[in-house]
Amino acid sequence: MIDHPLDIKNGDLYVSNRPGLGINLDPDWLAGHEIDPNEDFSGKDPDSQ
Protein backbone atom coordinates (compact mmCIF):
# COMPACT_ATOMS: atom_id res chain seq x y z
CA MET A 1 0.00 0.00 0.00
CA ILE A 2 2.89 2.36 0.73
CA ASP A 3 6.27 2.54 -0.99
CA HIS A 4 8.44 1.69 2.03
CA PRO A 5 7.99 0.06 5.43
CA LEU A 6 7.18 2.17 8.47
CA ASP A 7 9.94 2.53 11.07
CA ILE A 8 8.48 0.86 14.17
CA LYS A 9 10.69 -0.14 17.10
CA ASN A 10 9.45 -1.44 20.45
CA GLY A 11 5.92 -0.35 19.54
CA ASP A 12 6.94 3.22 18.72
CA LEU A 13 6.44 4.72 15.25
CA TYR A 14 9.39 6.89 14.26
CA VAL A 15 8.52 9.89 12.11
CA SER A 16 10.14 9.97 8.68
CA ASN A 17 12.23 12.89 7.50
CA ARG A 18 10.61 12.60 4.06
CA PRO A 19 8.42 15.51 2.91
CA GLY A 20 4.71 15.70 3.69
CA LEU A 21 3.33 12.74 5.60
CA GLY A 22 6.51 10.81 4.79
CA ILE A 23 4.79 8.12 2.72
CA ASN A 24 3.80 7.60 -0.89
CA LEU A 25 0.87 5.42 -1.87
CA ASP A 26 1.61 2.61 -4.33
CA PRO A 27 -0.71 3.23 -7.33
CA ASP A 28 -0.38 -0.37 -8.57
CA TRP A 29 -1.51 -1.74 -5.20
CA LEU A 30 -4.40 0.72 -5.08
CA ALA A 31 -5.52 -0.21 -8.61
CA GLY A 32 -5.64 -3.87 -7.59
CA HIS A 33 -7.80 -3.13 -4.53
CA GLU A 34 -10.52 -0.90 -5.93
CA ILE A 35 -13.97 -1.09 -4.38
CA ASP A 36 -17.39 -0.68 -5.93
CA PRO A 37 -18.83 2.56 -4.48
CA ASN A 38 -22.33 1.19 -5.05
CA GLU A 39 -21.71 -1.88 -2.89
CA ASP A 40 -23.06 -1.86 0.69
CA PHE A 41 -20.17 -1.69 3.18
CA SER A 42 -22.29 -1.26 6.31
CA GLY A 43 -21.27 -4.69 7.64
CA LYS A 44 -24.91 -5.63 8.06
CA ASP A 45 -26.39 -8.80 6.58
CA PRO A 46 -28.64 -7.56 3.74
CA ASP A 47 -31.01 -10.51 4.34
CA SER A 48 -31.59 -9.74 8.04
CA GLN A 49 -34.11 -7.20 9.28
PDB file of N, CA and C in Angstrom:
ATOM      1  N   MET A   1       0.818  -1.181   0.000  1.00  0.00           N
ATOM      2  CA  MET A   1       0.000   0.000   0.000  1.00  0.00           C
ATOM      3  C   MET A   1       0.873   1.261   0.000  1.00  0.00           C
ATOM      4  N   ILE A   2       1.967   1.222   0.736  1.00  0.00           N
ATOM      5  CA  ILE A   2       2.893   2.358   0.726  1.00  0.00           C
ATOM      6  C   ILE A   2       4.229   1.900   0.149  1.00  0.00           C
ATOM      7  N   ASP A   3       5.054   2.860  -0.236  1.00  0.00           N
ATOM      8  CA  ASP A   3       6.269   2.541  -0.987  1.00  0.00           C
ATOM      9  C   ASP A   3       7.464   2.104  -0.148  1.00  0.00           C
ATOM     10  N   HIS A   4       7.345   2.161   1.169  1.00  0.00           N
ATOM     11  CA  HIS A   4       8.443   1.694   2.025  1.00  0.00           C
ATOM     12  C   HIS A   4       7.869   1.321   3.390  1.00  0.00           C
ATOM     13  N   PRO A   5       8.527   0.453   4.121  1.00  0.00           N
ATOM     14  CA  PRO A   5       7.990   0.058   5.433  1.00  0.00           C
ATOM     15  C   PRO A   5       8.078   1.199   6.448  1.00  0.00           C
ATOM     16  N   LEU A   6       7.142   1.185   7.386  1.00  0.00           N
ATOM     17  CA  LEU A   6       7.184   2.166   8.473  1.00  0.00           C
ATOM     18  C   LEU A   6       8.284   1.778   9.452  1.00  0.00           C
ATOM     19  N   ASP A   7       8.868   2.763  10.099  1.00  0.00           N
ATOM     20  CA  ASP A   7       9.943   2.534  11.067  1.00  0.00           C
ATOM     21  C   ASP A   7       9.324   2.389  12.461  1.00  0.00           C
ATOM     22  N   ILE A   8       9.090   1.138  12.869  1.00  0.00           N
ATOM     23  CA  ILE A   8       8.478   0.856  14.167  1.00  0.00           C
ATOM     24  C   ILE A   8       9.463   0.043  14.996  1.00  0.00           C
ATOM     25  N   LYS A   9       9.776   0.550  16.187  1.00  0.00           N
ATOM     26  CA  LYS A   9      10.690  -0.140  17.101  1.00  0.00           C
ATOM     27  C   LYS A   9      10.085  -0.132  18.495  1.00  0.00           C
ATOM     28  N   ASN A  10       9.997  -1.310  19.099  1.00  0.00           N
ATOM     29  CA  ASN A  10       9.449  -1.443  20.454  1.00  0.00           C
ATOM     30  C   ASN A  10       8.067  -0.801  20.585  1.00  0.00           C
ATOM     31  N   GLY A  11       7.277  -0.898  19.514  1.00  0.00           N
ATOM     32  CA  GLY A  11       5.921  -0.354  19.544  1.00  0.00           C
ATOM     33  C   GLY A  11       5.821   1.134  19.269  1.00  0.00           C
ATOM     34  N   ASP A  12       6.946   1.790  19.007  1.00  0.00           N
ATOM     35  CA  ASP A  12       6.942   3.224  18.716  1.00  0.00           C
ATOM     36  C   ASP A  12       7.117   3.448  17.223  1.00  0.00           C
ATOM     37  N   LEU A  13       6.323   4.346  16.660  1.00  0.00           N
ATOM     38  CA  LEU A  13       6.442   4.716  15.253  1.00  0.00           C
ATOM     39  C   LEU A  13       7.350   5.934  15.158  1.00  0.00           C
ATOM     40  N   TYR A  14       8.446   5.788  14.431  1.00  0.00           N
ATOM     41  CA  TYR A  14       9.389   6.889  14.262  1.00  0.00           C
ATOM     42  C   TYR A  14       9.007   7.690  13.020  1.00  0.00           C
ATOM     43  N   VAL A  15       8.929   8.997  13.184  1.00  0.00           N
ATOM     44  CA  VAL A  15       8.520   9.886  12.109  1.00  0.00           C
ATOM     45  C   VAL A  15       9.622   9.960  11.059  1.00  0.00           C
ATOM     46  N   SER A  16       9.209   9.898   9.802  1.00  0.00           N
ATOM     47  CA  SER A  16      10.139   9.967   8.683  1.00  0.00           C
ATOM     48  C   SER A  16      10.596  11.405   8.457  1.00  0.00           C
ATOM     49  N   ASN A  17      11.762  11.552   7.860  1.00  0.00           N
ATOM     50  CA  ASN A  17      12.229  12.894   7.495  1.00  0.00           C
ATOM     51  C   ASN A  17      11.879  13.214   6.044  1.00  0.00           C
ATOM     52  N   ARG A  18      11.064  12.362   5.432  1.00  0.00           N
ATOM     53  CA  ARG A  18      10.610  12.596   4.061  1.00  0.00           C
ATOM     54  C   ARG A  18       9.562  13.707   4.070  1.00  0.00           C
ATOM     55  N   PRO A  19       9.377  14.397   2.949  1.00  0.00           N
ATOM     56  CA  PRO A  19       8.417  15.508   2.906  1.00  0.00           C
ATOM     57  C   PRO A  19       6.966  15.051   3.088  1.00  0.00           C
ATOM     58  N   GLY A  20       6.132  15.981   3.498  1.00  0.00           N
ATOM     59  CA  GLY A  20       4.706  15.701   3.685  1.00  0.00           C
ATOM     60  C   GLY A  20       4.479  14.725   4.821  1.00  0.00           C
ATOM     61  N   LEU A  21       3.607  13.743   4.580  1.00  0.00           N
ATOM     62  CA  LEU A  21       3.334  12.737   5.601  1.00  0.00           C
ATOM     63  C   LEU A  21       4.448  11.700   5.692  1.00  0.00           C
ATOM     64  N   GLY A  22       5.380  11.741   4.742  1.00  0.00           N
ATOM     65  CA  GLY A  22       6.510  10.815   4.785  1.00  0.00           C
ATOM     66  C   GLY A  22       6.243   9.476   4.128  1.00  0.00           C
ATOM     67  N   ILE A  23       5.106   9.360   3.437  1.00  0.00           N
ATOM     68  CA  ILE A  23       4.793   8.117   2.722  1.00  0.00           C
ATOM     69  C   ILE A  23       4.300   8.458   1.321  1.00  0.00           C
ATOM     70  N   ASN A  24       4.403   7.504   0.437  1.00  0.00           N
ATOM     71  CA  ASN A  24       3.804   7.595  -0.891  1.00  0.00           C
ATOM     72  C   ASN A  24       2.949   6.360  -1.089  1.00  0.00           C
ATOM     73  N   LEU A  25       1.744   6.555  -1.582  1.00  0.00           N
ATOM     74  CA  LEU A  25       0.872   5.424  -1.866  1.00  0.00           C
ATOM     75  C   LEU A  25       1.331   4.739  -3.143  1.00  0.00           C
ATOM     76  N   ASP A  26       1.218   3.411  -3.177  1.00  0.00           N
ATOM     77  CA  ASP A  26       1.606   2.614  -4.335  1.00  0.00           C
ATOM     78  C   ASP A  26       0.407   2.521  -5.282  1.00  0.00           C
ATOM     79  N   PRO A  27       0.441   3.218  -6.429  1.00  0.00           N
ATOM     80  CA  PRO A  27      -0.714   3.233  -7.328  1.00  0.00           C
ATOM     81  C   PRO A  27      -1.071   1.852  -7.879  1.00  0.00           C
ATOM     82  N   ASP A  28      -0.088   0.978  -8.075  1.00  0.00           N
ATOM     83  CA  ASP A  28      -0.379  -0.373  -8.571  1.00  0.00           C
ATOM     84  C   ASP A  28      -1.162  -1.169  -7.532  1.00  0.00           C
ATOM     85  N   TRP A  29      -0.788  -1.047  -6.267  1.00  0.00           N
ATOM     86  CA  TRP A  29      -1.513  -1.740  -5.200  1.00  0.00           C
ATOM     87  C   TRP A  29      -2.938  -1.204  -5.112  1.00  0.00           C
ATOM     88  N   LEU A  30      -3.075   0.106  -5.161  1.00  0.00           N
ATOM     89  CA  LEU A  30      -4.401   0.717  -5.075  1.00  0.00           C
ATOM     90  C   LEU A  30      -5.291   0.274  -6.231  1.00  0.00           C
ATOM     91  N   ALA A  31      -4.735   0.210  -7.440  1.00  0.00           N
ATOM     92  CA  ALA A  31      -5.522  -0.214  -8.606  1.00  0.00           C
ATOM     93  C   ALA A  31      -6.017  -1.645  -8.446  1.00  0.00           C
ATOM     94  N   GLY A  32      -5.248  -2.481  -7.788  1.00  0.00           N
ATOM     95  CA  GLY A  32      -5.638  -3.873  -7.589  1.00  0.00           C
ATOM     96  C   GLY A  32      -6.604  -4.077  -6.438  1.00  0.00           C
ATOM     97  N   HIS A  33      -6.915  -3.020  -5.694  1.00  0.00           N
ATOM     98  CA  HIS A  33      -7.796  -3.133  -4.529  1.00  0.00           C
ATOM     99  C   HIS A  33      -8.943  -2.122  -4.578  1.00  0.00           C
ATOM    100  N   GLU A  34      -9.413  -1.845  -5.790  1.00  0.00           N
ATOM    101  CA  GLU A  34     -10.524  -0.905  -5.930  1.00  0.00           C
ATOM    102  C   GLU A  34     -11.800  -1.505  -5.357  1.00  0.00           C
ATOM    103  N   ILE A  35     -12.676  -0.639  -4.892  1.00  0.00           N
ATOM    104  CA  ILE A  35     -13.971  -1.092  -4.383  1.00  0.00           C
ATOM    105  C   ILE A  35     -15.083  -0.504  -5.241  1.00  0.00           C
ATOM    106  N   ASP A  36     -16.224  -1.157  -5.215  1.00  0.00           N
ATOM    107  CA  ASP A  36     -17.395  -0.677  -5.932  1.00  0.00           C
ATOM    108  C   ASP A  36     -18.123   0.305  -5.015  1.00  0.00           C
ATOM    109  N   PRO A  37     -18.188   1.585  -5.373  1.00  0.00           N
ATOM    110  CA  PRO A  37     -18.826   2.559  -4.483  1.00  0.00           C
ATOM    111  C   PRO A  37     -20.321   2.314  -4.295  1.00  0.00           C
ATOM    112  N   ASN A  38     -20.908   1.491  -5.166  1.00  0.00           N
ATOM    113  CA  ASN A  38     -22.332   1.192  -5.050  1.00  0.00           C
ATOM    114  C   ASN A  38     -22.602  -0.006  -4.155  1.00  0.00           C
ATOM    115  N   GLU A  39     -21.552  -0.708  -3.743  1.00  0.00           N
ATOM    116  CA  GLU A  39     -21.715  -1.877  -2.887  1.00  0.00           C
ATOM    117  C   GLU A  39     -21.930  -1.427  -1.439  1.00  0.00           C
ATOM    118  N   ASP A  40     -22.756  -2.185  -0.705  1.00  0.00           N
ATOM    119  CA  ASP A  40     -23.056  -1.856   0.693  1.00  0.00           C
ATOM    120  C   ASP A  40     -21.896  -2.307   1.576  1.00  0.00           C
ATOM    121  N   PHE A  41     -21.275  -1.374   2.288  1.00  0.00           N
ATOM    122  CA  PHE A  41     -20.166  -1.693   3.183  1.00  0.00           C
ATOM    123  C   PHE A  41     -20.534  -1.444   4.642  1.00  0.00           C
ATOM    124  N   SER A  42     -21.833  -1.545   4.952  1.00  0.00           N
ATOM    125  CA  SER A  42     -22.286  -1.261   6.312  1.00  0.00           C
ATOM    126  C   SER A  42     -21.907  -2.364   7.288  1.00  0.00           C
ATOM    127  N   GLY A  43     -21.590  -3.563   6.764  1.00  0.00           N
ATOM    128  CA  GLY A  43     -21.269  -4.686   7.637  1.00  0.00           C
ATOM    129  C   GLY A  43     -22.498  -5.445   8.078  1.00  0.00           C
ATOM    130  N   LYS A  44     -23.665  -4.966   7.690  1.00  0.00           N
ATOM    131  CA  LYS A  44     -24.913  -5.629   8.057  1.00  0.00           C
ATOM    132  C   LYS A  44     -25.265  -6.685   7.018  1.00  0.00           C
ATOM    133  N   ASP A  45     -25.904  -7.751   7.472  1.00  0.00           N
ATOM    134  CA  ASP A  45     -26.385  -8.797   6.577  1.00  0.00           C
ATOM    135  C   ASP A  45     -27.595  -8.247   5.825  1.00  0.00           C
ATOM    136  N   PRO A  46     -27.523  -8.149   4.490  1.00  0.00           N
ATOM    137  CA  PRO A  46     -28.642  -7.561   3.744  1.00  0.00           C
ATOM    138  C   PRO A  46     -29.930  -8.381   3.847  1.00  0.00           C
ATOM    139  N   ASP A  47     -29.828  -9.665   4.235  1.00  0.00           N
ATOM    140  CA  ASP A  47     -31.010 -10.513   4.344  1.00  0.00           C
ATOM    141  C   ASP A  47     -31.666 -10.423   5.713  1.00  0.00           C
ATOM    142  N   SER A  48     -30.999  -9.841   6.700  1.00  0.00           N
ATOM    143  CA  SER A  48     -31.591  -9.738   8.041  1.00  0.00           C
ATOM    144  C   SER A  48     -32.372  -8.429   8.162  1.00  0.00           C
ATOM    145  N   GLN A  49     -33.297  -8.414   9.118  1.00  0.00           N
ATOM    146  CA  GLN A  49     -34.108  -7.198   9.279  1.00  0.00           C
ATOM    147  C   GLN A  49     -33.803  -6.506  10.544  1.00  0.00           C
TER     148      GLN A  49
END
